[in-house]
C-alpha atoms as a PDB file:
ATOM      1  CA  MET A   1    -101.799 -80.539-160.014  1.00  0.00           C
ATOM      2  CA  SER A   2    -102.776 -78.446-156.030  1.00  0.00           C
ATOM      3  CA  LYS A   3    -101.073 -75.640-154.453  1.00  0.00           C
ATOM      4  CA  PHE A   4    -101.598 -77.512-152.034  1.00  0.00           C
ATOM      5  CA  ARG A   5    -100.020 -80.154-149.385  1.00  0.00           C
ATOM      6  CA  GLN A   6    -103.314 -81.646-148.131  1.00  0.00           C
ATOM      7  CA  HIS A   7    -106.532 -80.856-148.360  1.00  0.00           C
ATOM      8  CA  PHE A   8    -108.421 -81.986-145.357  1.00  0.00           C
ATOM      9  CA  PHE A   9    -112.175 -82.108-146.084  1.00  0.00           C
ATOM     10  CA  VAL A  10    -115.018 -81.699-142.386  1.00  0.00           C
ATOM     11  CA  CYS A  11    -117.692 -83.066-142.059  1.00  0.00           C
ATOM     12  CA  THR A  12    -120.849 -80.911-141.270  1.00  0.00           C
ATOM     13  CA  ASN A  13    -123.833 -82.082-141.555  1.00  0.00           C
ATOM     14  CA  ALA A  14    -126.338 -81.486-139.000  1.00  0.00           C
ATOM     15  CA  ARG A  15    -129.652 -83.629-139.980  1.00  0.00           C
ATOM     16  CA  PRO A  16    -132.552 -83.521-137.541  1.00  0.00           C
ATOM     17  CA  PRO A  17    -133.299 -85.063-134.442  1.00  0.00           C
ATOM     18  CA  PHE A  18    -134.400 -88.233-134.548  1.00  0.00           C
ATOM     19  CA  ALA A  19    -132.833 -88.842-137.817  1.00  0.00           C
ATOM     20  CA  LYS A  20    -129.853 -90.974-139.169  1.00  0.00           C
ATOM     21  CA  PRO A  21    -127.094 -89.747-136.742  1.00  0.00           C
ATOM     22  CA  SER A  22    -124.893 -86.413-138.755  1.00  0.00           C
ATOM     23  CA  CYS A  23    -121.617 -85.348-137.940  1.00  0.00           C
ATOM     24  CA  GLY A  24    -122.994 -82.080-137.371  1.00  0.00           C
ATOM     25  CA  SER A  25    -124.378 -83.098-134.328  1.00  0.00           C
ATOM     26  CA  LYS A  26    -121.227 -83.992-132.935  1.00  0.00           C
ATOM     27  CA  ASN A  27    -119.819 -80.635-132.970  1.00  0.00           C
ATOM     28  CA  SER A  28    -118.491 -80.139-136.531  1.00  0.00           C
ATOM     29  CA  ASN A  29    -118.422 -77.482-137.077  1.00  0.00           C
ATOM     30  CA  GLN A  30    -116.307 -76.082-134.013  1.00  0.00           C
ATOM     31  CA  ILE A  31    -113.543 -79.058-135.378  1.00  0.00           C
ATOM     32  CA  LEU A  32    -113.381 -77.131-138.166  1.00  0.00           C
ATOM     33  CA  ILE A  33    -113.090 -73.893-136.933  1.00  0.00           C
ATOM     34  CA  LEU A  34    -110.616 -75.053-134.787  1.00  0.00           C
ATOM     35  CA  LEU A  35    -108.568 -76.239-136.684  1.00  0.00           C
ATOM     36  CA  GLN A  36    -109.205 -74.057-139.910  1.00  0.00           C
ATOM     37  CA  GLU A  37    -107.244 -71.568-136.648  1.00  0.00           C
ATOM     38  CA  GLU A  38    -104.547 -73.830-135.573  1.00  0.00           C
ATOM     39  CA  ILE A  39    -103.829 -73.972-139.262  1.00  0.00           C
ATOM     40  CA  GLU A  40    -103.471 -70.513-139.222  1.00  0.00           C
ATOM     41  CA  LYS A  41    -101.796 -69.942-135.856  1.00  0.00           C
ATOM     42  CA  ARG A  42     -98.462 -71.680-137.603  1.00  0.00           C
ATOM     43  CA  GLY A  43     -98.338 -70.001-140.533  1.00  0.00           C
ATOM     44  CA  LEU A  44     -99.812 -73.427-143.069  1.00  0.00           C
ATOM     45  CA  LEU A  45    -102.050 -71.254-144.810  1.00  0.00           C
ATOM     46  CA  ASN A  46    -100.056 -71.474-148.632  1.00  0.00           C
ATOM     47  CA  GLU A  47     -99.951 -74.577-148.108  1.00  0.00           C
ATOM     48  CA  VAL A  48    -102.975 -76.799-146.059  1.00  0.00           C
ATOM     49  CA  LYS A  49    -106.498 -75.471-147.257  1.00  0.00           C
ATOM     50  CA  VAL A  50    -109.740 -77.145-144.621  1.00  0.00           C
ATOM     51  CA  THR A  51    -113.198 -76.973-145.923  1.00  0.00           C
ATOM     52  CA  GLY A  52    -115.932 -77.995-144.184  1.00  0.00           C
ATOM     53  CA  CYS A  53    -118.124 -80.574-146.831  1.00  0.00           C
ATOM     54  CA  GLU A  54    -121.704 -82.023-146.215  1.00  0.00           C
ATOM     55  CA  CYS A  55    -121.876 -85.733-145.598  1.00  0.00           C
ATOM     56  CA  LEU A  56    -119.602 -88.326-145.834  1.00  0.00           C
ATOM     57  CA  GLY A  57    -121.248 -91.246-145.883  1.00  0.00           C
ATOM     58  CA  PRO A  58    -119.783 -92.820-141.697  1.00  0.00           C
ATOM     59  CA  CYS A  59    -122.233 -91.115-140.143  1.00  0.00           C
ATOM     60  CA  GLU A  60    -122.534 -93.144-136.728  1.00  0.00           C
ATOM     61  CA  GLU A  61    -118.915 -93.006-137.350  1.00  0.00           C
ATOM     62  CA  GLY A  62    -118.431 -89.308-136.326  1.00  0.00           C
ATOM     63  CA  ALA A  63    -117.872 -86.575-137.455  1.00  0.00           C
ATOM     64  CA  ILE A  64    -116.233 -87.603-140.317  1.00  0.00           C
ATOM     65  CA  MET A  65    -112.750 -86.303-141.539  1.00  0.00           C
ATOM     66  CA  VAL A  66    -110.605 -86.457-144.777  1.00  0.00           C
ATOM     67  CA  VAL A  67    -107.284 -85.265-146.231  1.00  0.00           C
ATOM     68  CA  TYR A  68    -106.503 -85.804-149.834  1.00  0.00           C
ATOM     69  CA  PRO A  69    -104.213 -86.343-151.337  1.00  0.00           C
ATOM     70  CA  GLU A  70    -103.595 -89.413-149.354  1.00  0.00           C
ATOM     71  CA  GLY A  71    -107.412 -90.137-148.854  1.00  0.00           C
ATOM     72  CA  THR A  72    -106.388 -90.788-144.767  1.00  0.00           C
ATOM     73  CA  TRP A  73    -110.064 -91.092-143.226  1.00  0.00           C
ATOM     74  CA  TYR A  74    -110.874 -89.533-139.244  1.00  0.00           C
ATOM     75  CA  LYS A  75    -113.728 -90.999-137.461  1.00  0.00           C
ATOM     76  CA  LYS A  76    -114.978 -89.624-133.672  1.00  0.00           C
ATOM     77  CA  ILE A  77    -112.808 -86.060-133.990  1.00  0.00           C
ATOM     78  CA  THR A  78    -113.524 -84.848-130.617  1.00  0.00           C
ATOM     79  CA  ALA A  79    -112.197 -80.655-130.126  1.00  0.00           C
ATOM     80  CA  ASP A  80    -110.444 -82.290-128.642  1.00  0.00           C
ATOM     81  CA  ASP A  81    -107.775 -84.069-131.487  1.00  0.00           C
ATOM     82  CA  VAL A  82    -107.311 -81.096-133.098  1.00  0.00           C
ATOM     83  CA  LEU A  83    -104.470 -80.287-131.551  1.00  0.00           C
ATOM     84  CA  GLU A  84    -103.334 -84.260-131.048  1.00  0.00           C
ATOM     85  CA  ILE A  85    -104.292 -84.079-135.253  1.00  0.00           C
ATOM     86  CA  VAL A  86    -101.881 -80.748-136.196  1.00  0.00           C
ATOM     87  CA  GLU A  87     -98.653 -81.291-134.331  1.00  0.00           C
ATOM     88  CA  THR A  88     -98.890 -85.202-135.718  1.00  0.00           C
ATOM     89  CA  HIS A  89    -100.791 -85.617-139.274  1.00  0.00           C
ATOM     90  CA  ILE A  90    -100.245 -82.669-140.693  1.00  0.00           C
ATOM     91  CA  LEU A  91     -96.572 -81.143-139.233  1.00  0.00           C
ATOM     92  CA  GLN A  92     -94.669 -84.770-138.451  1.00  0.00           C
ATOM     93  CA  GLY A  93     -96.866 -86.160-141.502  1.00  0.00           C
ATOM     94  CA  ASN A  94     -97.833 -89.687-139.105  1.00  0.00           C
ATOM     95  CA  PRO A  95    -102.083 -89.650-139.528  1.00  0.00           C
ATOM     96  CA  VAL A  96    -102.757 -90.282-135.716  1.00  0.00           C
ATOM     97  CA  SER A  97    -103.855 -93.726-136.150  1.00  0.00           C
ATOM     98  CA  ARG A  98    -106.559 -94.339-133.066  1.00  0.00           C
ATOM     99  CA  LEU A  99    -108.446 -91.947-135.217  1.00  0.00           C
ATOM    100  CA  ILE A 100    -108.563 -93.584-138.927  1.00  0.00           C
ATOM    101  CA  TYR A 101    -111.552 -94.912-139.970  1.00  0.00           C
ATOM    102  CA  ASN A 102    -110.841 -98.110-141.713  1.00  0.00           C
ATOM    103  CA  TRP A 103    -113.934 -98.523-145.253  1.00  0.00           C
ATOM    104  CA  GLN A 104    -112.979-102.785-145.045  1.00  0.00           C
ATOM    105  CA  ASP A 105    -114.583-102.871-141.529  1.00  0.00           C
ATOM    106  CA  GLU A 106    -118.007-101.455-143.707  1.00  0.00           C
ATOM    107  CA  THR A 107    -120.048-103.983-143.389  1.00  0.00           C
END
């Protein structure tokens, strides 16, 4: 069993210009850093882990993030969403519904 209550994976994959879309071109590195800083600021480093990762799949919906163990997926995240994710999802236990990515919508 993980010692962390939640583990956030933020896609930071960056492709060359004119290639398939990627989260890196949507400021995902900034999102990753802001999320890590906010977790640290709130004293949650022993409960919540944040990791940058490569491609998670739905590139057109980036920036993408997935949260384990519950398996919540977020899409089209911006730096402005980080504080809401921390306050609503991490602190209150309620995923931010307007940012949820639903795999069933995939065609």
